[in-house]
Protein backbone atom coordinates (compact mmCIF):
# COMPACT_ATOMS: atom_id res chain seq x y z
CA MET A 1 152.46 107.27 62.94
CA SER A 2 154.56 105.78 60.13
CA LYS A 3 158.19 106.87 59.91
CA ILE A 4 158.31 106.10 56.17
CA LYS A 5 157.50 109.17 54.13
CA GLU A 6 155.95 108.97 50.69
CA PHE A 7 158.24 110.08 47.86
CA ASP A 8 157.18 113.38 46.34
CA PHE A 9 157.09 112.57 42.61
CA SER A 10 156.28 116.18 41.73
CA LYS A 11 159.99 116.97 42.22
CA ALA A 12 161.25 113.94 40.24
CA ARG A 13 162.55 114.46 36.74
CA ARG A 14 161.50 112.38 33.76
CA ALA A 15 163.99 110.10 31.99
CA THR A 16 165.24 111.56 28.72
CA PRO A 17 164.67 109.72 25.42
CA LYS A 18 168.43 109.02 25.33
CA GLU A 19 168.26 107.41 28.79
CA LEU A 20 165.24 105.33 27.77
CA ARG A 21 167.10 104.01 24.69
CA PHE A 22 170.09 103.17 26.91
CA PHE A 23 167.90 101.25 29.39
CA LYS A 24 166.12 99.34 26.60
CA LYS A 25 169.47 98.34 25.09
CA ALA A 26 170.73 97.18 28.50
CA ILE A 27 167.68 94.94 28.90
CA GLU A 28 168.16 93.48 25.41
CA ASN A 29 171.85 92.82 26.08
CA THR A 30 171.12 91.19 29.44
CA PHE A 31 168.39 88.86 28.29
CA GLY A 32 169.13 88.55 24.56
CA ILE A 33 165.58 89.45 23.61
CA LYS A 34 164.00 92.40 21.86
CA ARG A 35 161.23 93.02 24.40
CA PRO A 36 161.26 93.98 28.07
CA PHE A 37 161.62 90.79 30.10
CA ARG A 38 159.64 90.05 33.23
CA GLY A 39 160.62 87.47 35.78
CA ARG A 40 163.47 85.01 35.77
CA PRO A 41 165.52 84.72 32.54
CA PRO A 42 164.84 81.54 30.55
CA LYS A 43 167.13 78.57 31.18
CA GLY A 44 169.07 76.80 28.44
CA PRO A 45 167.84 73.41 27.21
CA LEU A 46 170.38 71.50 29.33
CA LEU A 47 169.36 73.26 32.55
CA LYS A 48 165.58 72.79 32.33
CA TYR A 49 163.99 70.33 34.69
CA GLN A 50 161.54 67.68 33.53
CA ASP A 51 158.20 67.19 35.25
CA ILE A 52 157.78 63.60 36.44
CA HIS A 53 155.70 61.61 38.89
CA ILE A 54 157.66 59.49 41.36
CA ARG A 55 156.66 57.37 44.34
CA ILE A 56 158.93 57.86 47.36
CA HIS A 57 158.98 55.95 50.63
CA PRO A 58 157.33 58.01 53.42
CA ARG A 59 160.49 57.87 55.58
CA ALA A 60 162.60 59.29 52.73
CA LEU A 61 160.06 62.05 52.16
CA LYS A 62 159.94 62.88 55.88
CA TRP A 63 163.76 63.10 55.92
CA ALA A 64 163.82 65.38 52.85
CA ARG A 65 161.16 67.69 54.26
CA ALA A 66 162.87 67.94 57.67
CA LEU A 67 166.25 68.72 56.10
CA ALA A 68 164.64 71.22 53.72
CA LYS A 69 162.97 73.03 56.61
CA LYS A 70 166.28 73.15 58.49
CA ARG A 71 168.10 74.55 55.42
CA GLY A 72 165.27 76.91 54.45
CA MET A 73 164.62 75.45 51.00
CA GLY A 74 162.22 73.15 49.18
CA TYR A 75 162.22 69.41 49.81
CA GLN A 76 162.35 68.69 46.08
CA THR A 77 165.62 70.62 45.92
CA ILE A 78 167.03 68.36 48.66
CA ILE A 79 165.97 65.24 46.76
CA ASN A 80 167.39 66.61 43.51
CA GLU A 81 170.75 67.54 45.13
CA THR A 82 171.03 64.07 46.68
CA LEU A 83 170.30 62.34 43.38
CA LEU A 84 172.79 64.54 41.51
CA LYS A 85 175.53 63.74 44.06
CA HIS A 86 175.02 60.02 43.47
CA ALA A 87 174.68 60.41 39.69
CA ALA A 88 178.17 61.89 39.32
């Protein structure tokens, strides 16, 4: 038997029109757009990544994947962080 009980929506109140306007305005202020936003907010032009194709030595790729698994992140993030450290 599940310990989680379903919420009884028959006892829930509806949001007032004033509350709905407030929520819409909060979304617009947060994301700077006039429509409800879904997903991650868009990045600025300087923060966008470029899609490329690159050939990497198998040992380097094995290292990046092992470190990524240990850190719980993607191997491309590891490669990107390493390149950014050396670029500065």
